[in-house]
């Protein structure tokens, strides 16, 4: 079933590679089974769509889980800056909380 979702999400991405949601959904799906592939997809997403705020939390948490703390901190900080700029207070709180947790582990 997960494989079916990946196939469908890859088709969506191929049909519309400029839609950041397609890349985001694919990265989240691969997070469960292939974190390295998920990492590459998140990196592509953040590079090509730096304004796509939902990606920052999950990308930073992935870096945190694989032990790349400096990268996780940088992604959290970038997401915090973007959330502040966009005046998205809920996401700003979530990112700040996760960043604080990372710094005090």
N, C-alpha and C. Protein backbone atom coordinates (compact mmCIF):
# COMPACT_ATOMS: atom_id res chain seq x y z
N UNK A 1 0.81 -1.20 0.00
CA UNK A 1 0.00 0.00 0.00
C UNK A 1 0.86 1.26 0.00
N UNK A 2 1.91 1.29 0.85
CA UNK A 2 2.80 2.44 0.86
C UNK A 2 3.47 2.61 -0.50
N UNK A 3 3.81 1.46 -1.11
CA UNK A 3 4.42 1.50 -2.43
C UNK A 3 3.47 2.13 -3.45
N UNK A 4 2.17 1.83 -3.33
CA UNK A 4 1.18 2.43 -4.23
C UNK A 4 1.14 3.94 -4.05
N UNK A 5 1.23 4.41 -2.80
CA UNK A 5 1.23 5.85 -2.54
C UNK A 5 2.46 6.50 -3.15
N UNK A 6 3.61 5.84 -3.01
CA UNK A 6 4.84 6.39 -3.59
C UNK A 6 4.72 6.49 -5.10
N UNK A 7 4.20 5.45 -5.72
CA UNK A 7 4.03 5.47 -7.18
C UNK A 7 3.10 6.62 -7.58
N UNK A 8 2.01 6.77 -6.87
CA UNK A 8 1.06 7.83 -7.19
C UNK A 8 1.69 9.22 -6.97
N UNK A 9 2.40 9.38 -5.87
CA UNK A 9 3.05 10.67 -5.58
C UNK A 9 4.14 10.99 -6.60
N UNK A 10 4.87 9.97 -7.04
CA UNK A 10 5.88 10.20 -8.08
C UNK A 10 5.21 10.63 -9.38
N UNK A 11 4.06 10.06 -9.69
CA UNK A 11 3.33 10.47 -10.89
C UNK A 11 2.88 11.93 -10.78
N UNK A 12 2.36 12.29 -9.61
CA UNK A 12 1.94 13.68 -9.40
C UNK A 12 3.13 14.63 -9.58
N UNK A 13 4.27 14.23 -9.03
CA UNK A 13 5.47 15.07 -9.14
C UNK A 13 5.93 15.19 -10.59
N UNK A 14 5.90 14.08 -11.32
CA UNK A 14 6.29 14.11 -12.74
C UNK A 14 5.34 14.98 -13.56
N UNK A 15 4.07 14.93 -13.22
CA UNK A 15 3.07 15.72 -13.95
C UNK A 15 3.21 17.22 -13.66
N UNK A 16 3.60 17.55 -12.43
CA UNK A 16 3.71 18.97 -12.05
C UNK A 16 4.90 19.16 -11.10
N UNK A 17 6.12 19.13 -11.64
CA UNK A 17 7.30 19.25 -10.79
C UNK A 17 7.48 20.64 -10.17
N UNK A 18 6.72 21.63 -10.62
CA UNK A 18 6.83 22.97 -10.07
C UNK A 18 5.95 23.18 -8.84
N UNK A 19 5.08 22.23 -8.56
CA UNK A 19 4.22 22.32 -7.38
C UNK A 19 5.00 21.79 -6.17
N UNK A 20 5.34 22.64 -5.21
CA UNK A 20 6.14 22.19 -4.08
C UNK A 20 5.44 21.13 -3.24
N UNK A 21 4.11 21.13 -3.23
CA UNK A 21 3.41 20.14 -2.42
C UNK A 21 3.70 18.72 -2.90
N UNK A 22 3.81 18.53 -4.21
CA UNK A 22 4.09 17.19 -4.73
C UNK A 22 5.43 16.67 -4.22
N UNK A 23 6.42 17.52 -4.21
CA UNK A 23 7.75 17.14 -3.72
C UNK A 23 7.72 16.92 -2.21
N UNK A 24 7.00 17.76 -1.51
CA UNK A 24 6.86 17.65 -0.05
C UNK A 24 6.19 16.33 0.33
N UNK A 25 5.09 16.01 -0.32
CA UNK A 25 4.38 14.77 -0.02
C UNK A 25 5.25 13.55 -0.31
N UNK A 26 6.00 13.59 -1.38
CA UNK A 26 6.90 12.49 -1.73
C UNK A 26 8.01 12.35 -0.70
N UNK A 27 8.58 13.47 -0.28
CA UNK A 27 9.63 13.44 0.74
C UNK A 27 9.10 12.85 2.05
N UNK A 28 7.89 13.23 2.44
CA UNK A 28 7.30 12.69 3.66
C UNK A 28 7.06 11.19 3.55
N UNK A 29 6.61 10.75 2.39
CA UNK A 29 6.34 9.32 2.22
C UNK A 29 7.64 8.51 2.28
N UNK A 30 8.70 9.01 1.66
CA UNK A 30 9.97 8.30 1.70
C UNK A 30 10.62 8.36 3.09
N UNK A 31 10.23 9.32 3.89
CA UNK A 31 10.78 9.45 5.24
C UNK A 31 10.62 8.16 6.03
N UNK A 32 9.54 7.46 5.79
CA UNK A 32 9.23 6.24 6.53
C UNK A 32 10.12 5.05 6.16
N UNK A 33 10.50 4.98 4.89
CA UNK A 33 11.20 3.79 4.44
C UNK A 33 12.61 4.05 3.89
N UNK A 34 12.84 5.25 3.36
CA UNK A 34 14.13 5.56 2.75
C UNK A 34 14.56 6.98 3.14
N UNK A 35 15.06 7.13 4.37
CA UNK A 35 15.39 8.48 4.84
C UNK A 35 16.43 9.21 3.98
N UNK A 36 17.33 8.49 3.36
CA UNK A 36 18.33 9.14 2.51
C UNK A 36 17.66 9.77 1.29
N UNK A 37 16.73 9.05 0.69
CA UNK A 37 15.99 9.59 -0.45
C UNK A 37 15.13 10.77 0.00
N UNK A 38 14.52 10.63 1.16
CA UNK A 38 13.72 11.71 1.71
C UNK A 38 14.58 12.96 1.92
N UNK A 39 15.77 12.77 2.43
CA UNK A 39 16.69 13.89 2.66
C UNK A 39 16.99 14.61 1.35
N UNK A 40 17.28 13.86 0.30
CA UNK A 40 17.56 14.49 -1.01
C UNK A 40 16.36 15.28 -1.52
N UNK A 41 15.17 14.71 -1.32
CA UNK A 41 13.96 15.40 -1.78
C UNK A 41 13.72 16.68 -0.98
N UNK A 42 13.92 16.62 0.34
CA UNK A 42 13.77 17.83 1.16
C UNK A 42 14.80 18.88 0.75
N UNK A 43 16.02 18.46 0.47
CA UNK A 43 17.05 19.41 0.05
C UNK A 43 16.66 20.07 -1.28
N UNK A 44 16.14 19.29 -2.20
CA UNK A 44 15.68 19.83 -3.48
C UNK A 44 14.53 20.81 -3.25
N UNK A 45 13.61 20.41 -2.39
CA UNK A 45 12.46 21.26 -2.09
C UNK A 45 12.89 22.60 -1.49
N UNK A 46 13.78 22.56 -0.50
CA UNK A 46 14.21 23.79 0.15
C UNK A 46 15.05 24.66 -0.79
N UNK A 47 15.78 24.03 -1.68
CA UNK A 47 16.59 24.79 -2.63
C UNK A 47 15.72 25.45 -3.70
N UNK A 48 14.75 24.70 -4.22
CA UNK A 48 13.93 25.20 -5.32
C UNK A 48 12.69 25.97 -4.87
N UNK A 49 12.26 25.74 -3.63
CA UNK A 49 11.05 26.38 -3.11
C UNK A 49 11.30 26.84 -1.67
N UNK A 50 12.22 27.76 -1.47
CA UNK A 50 12.57 28.17 -0.10
C UNK A 50 11.42 28.83 0.64
N UNK A 51 10.37 29.21 -0.06
CA UNK A 51 9.21 29.82 0.57
C UNK A 51 8.19 28.80 1.06
N UNK A 52 8.46 27.51 0.83
CA UNK A 52 7.49 26.46 1.22
C UNK A 52 7.71 26.09 2.69
N UNK A 53 7.04 26.81 3.54
CA UNK A 53 7.25 26.73 4.98
C UNK A 53 7.06 25.33 5.60
N UNK A 54 6.09 24.53 5.19
CA UNK A 54 5.90 23.23 5.84
C UNK A 54 7.13 22.31 5.78
N UNK A 55 8.00 22.52 4.83
CA UNK A 55 9.15 21.62 4.65
C UNK A 55 10.20 21.78 5.75
N UNK A 56 10.28 22.94 6.34
CA UNK A 56 11.38 23.22 7.27
C UNK A 56 11.36 22.32 8.50
N UNK A 57 10.21 22.15 9.10
CA UNK A 57 10.12 21.34 10.31
C UNK A 57 10.57 19.90 10.04
N UNK A 58 10.00 19.30 9.01
CA UNK A 58 10.29 17.89 8.73
C UNK A 58 11.73 17.68 8.26
N UNK A 59 12.23 18.60 7.46
CA UNK A 59 13.63 18.48 7.01
C UNK A 59 14.58 18.59 8.19
N UNK A 60 14.33 19.55 9.07
CA UNK A 60 15.20 19.73 10.24
C UNK A 60 15.12 18.53 11.17
N UNK A 61 13.92 18.00 11.39
CA UNK A 61 13.78 16.82 12.25
C UNK A 61 14.52 15.62 11.65
N UNK A 62 14.49 15.49 10.34
CA UNK A 62 15.23 14.40 9.69
C UNK A 62 16.72 14.56 9.95
N UNK A 63 17.24 15.76 9.76
CA UNK A 63 18.65 15.99 10.05
C UNK A 63 18.97 15.67 11.51
N UNK A 64 18.08 16.07 12.39
CA UNK A 64 18.27 15.78 13.81
C UNK A 64 18.34 14.27 14.06
N UNK A 65 17.44 13.54 13.45
CA UNK A 65 17.38 12.09 13.65
C UNK A 65 18.62 11.37 13.12
N UNK A 66 19.21 11.91 12.06
CA UNK A 66 20.40 11.23 11.51
C UNK A 66 21.70 11.81 12.09
N UNK A 67 21.55 12.69 13.08
CA UNK A 67 22.72 13.19 13.80
C UNK A 67 23.41 14.39 13.18
N UNK A 68 22.80 15.01 12.19
CA UNK A 68 23.39 16.20 11.58
C UNK A 68 22.81 17.44 12.25
N UNK A 69 23.29 17.66 13.46
CA UNK A 69 22.72 18.69 14.34
C UNK A 69 22.91 20.10 13.78
N UNK A 70 24.08 20.38 13.23
CA UNK A 70 24.31 21.72 12.68
C UNK A 70 23.36 22.02 11.53
N UNK A 71 23.16 21.04 10.66
CA UNK A 71 22.23 21.23 9.54
C UNK A 71 20.80 21.39 10.07
N UNK A 72 20.45 20.59 11.06
CA UNK A 72 19.11 20.70 11.65
C UNK A 72 18.90 22.10 12.21
N UNK A 73 19.88 22.60 12.95
CA UNK A 73 19.76 23.93 13.54
C UNK A 73 19.61 24.99 12.46
N UNK A 74 20.39 24.88 11.40
CA UNK A 74 20.32 25.86 10.31
C UNK A 74 18.95 25.85 9.65
N UNK A 75 18.41 24.66 9.40
CA UNK A 75 17.11 24.57 8.76
C UNK A 75 16.02 25.11 9.69
N UNK A 76 16.10 24.78 10.98
CA UNK A 76 15.14 25.35 11.92
C UNK A 76 15.22 26.87 11.91
N UNK A 77 16.43 27.43 11.97
CA UNK A 77 16.59 28.89 11.98
C UNK A 77 16.02 29.52 10.71
N UNK A 78 16.28 28.91 9.57
CA UNK A 78 15.74 29.44 8.31
C UNK A 78 14.21 29.39 8.31
N UNK A 79 13.66 28.30 8.83
CA UNK A 79 12.21 28.18 8.92
C UNK A 79 11.61 29.19 9.88
N UNK A 80 12.30 29.43 11.00
CA UNK A 80 11.84 30.43 11.96
C UNK A 80 11.82 31.81 11.31
N UNK A 81 12.86 32.14 10.59
CA UNK A 81 12.90 33.43 9.90
C UNK A 81 11.77 33.57 8.89
N UNK A 82 11.51 32.51 8.14
CA UNK A 82 10.45 32.55 7.14
C UNK A 82 9.08 32.65 7.81
N UNK A 83 8.86 31.88 8.86
CA UNK A 83 7.57 31.93 9.55
C UNK A 83 7.32 33.31 10.14
N UNK A 84 8.38 33.91 10.67
CA UNK A 84 8.26 35.27 11.20
C UNK A 84 7.92 36.25 10.08
N UNK A 85 8.61 36.13 8.98
CA UNK A 85 8.37 37.01 7.81
C UNK A 85 6.94 36.86 7.30
N UNK A 86 6.44 35.61 7.28
CA UNK A 86 5.09 35.34 6.79
C UNK A 86 4.02 35.59 7.85
N UNK A 87 4.45 35.90 9.06
CA UNK A 87 3.54 36.14 10.18
C UNK A 87 2.67 34.91 10.46
N UNK A 88 3.29 33.74 10.36
CA UNK A 88 2.62 32.47 10.65
C UNK A 88 2.98 32.09 12.08
N UNK A 89 2.20 32.58 13.03
CA UNK A 89 2.56 32.42 14.44
C UNK A 89 2.53 30.97 14.92
N UNK A 90 1.61 30.17 14.41
CA UNK A 90 1.54 28.77 14.84
C UNK A 90 2.80 28.02 14.41
N UNK A 91 3.18 28.16 13.15
CA UNK A 91 4.38 27.48 12.66
C UNK A 91 5.62 28.04 13.33
N UNK A 92 5.63 29.33 13.58
CA UNK A 92 6.75 29.96 14.27
C UNK A 92 6.94 29.34 15.65
N UNK A 93 5.86 29.17 16.39
CA UNK A 93 5.95 28.54 17.73
C UNK A 93 6.45 27.11 17.63
N UNK A 94 5.94 26.36 16.66
CA UNK A 94 6.36 24.95 16.49
C UNK A 94 7.84 24.86 16.16
N UNK A 95 8.30 25.70 15.26
CA UNK A 95 9.72 25.67 14.87
C UNK A 95 10.62 26.11 16.02
N UNK A 96 10.22 27.15 16.74
CA UNK A 96 11.02 27.61 17.88
C UNK A 96 11.09 26.54 18.97
N UNK A 97 9.98 25.89 19.23
CA UNK A 97 9.95 24.83 20.23
C UNK A 97 10.87 23.67 19.84
N UNK A 98 10.78 23.26 18.59
CA UNK A 98 11.63 22.15 18.11
C UNK A 98 13.10 22.56 18.12
N UNK A 99 13.39 23.80 17.76
CA UNK A 99 14.77 24.30 17.78
C UNK A 99 15.30 24.31 19.21
N UNK A 100 14.51 24.81 20.13
CA UNK A 100 14.92 24.83 21.55
C UNK A 100 15.19 23.43 22.06
N UNK A 101 14.32 22.50 21.69
CA UNK A 101 14.49 21.09 22.09
C UNK A 101 15.81 20.55 21.54
N UNK A 102 16.12 20.89 20.30
CA UNK A 102 17.37 20.44 19.67
C UNK A 102 18.58 21.00 20.42
N UNK A 103 18.51 22.26 20.79
CA UNK A 103 19.64 22.92 21.42
C UNK A 103 19.88 22.45 22.85
N UNK A 104 18.85 21.95 23.48
CA UNK A 104 18.97 21.54 24.89
C UNK A 104 18.94 20.04 25.09
N UNK A 105 19.18 19.27 24.03
CA UNK A 105 19.24 17.80 24.15
C UNK A 105 20.49 17.40 24.88
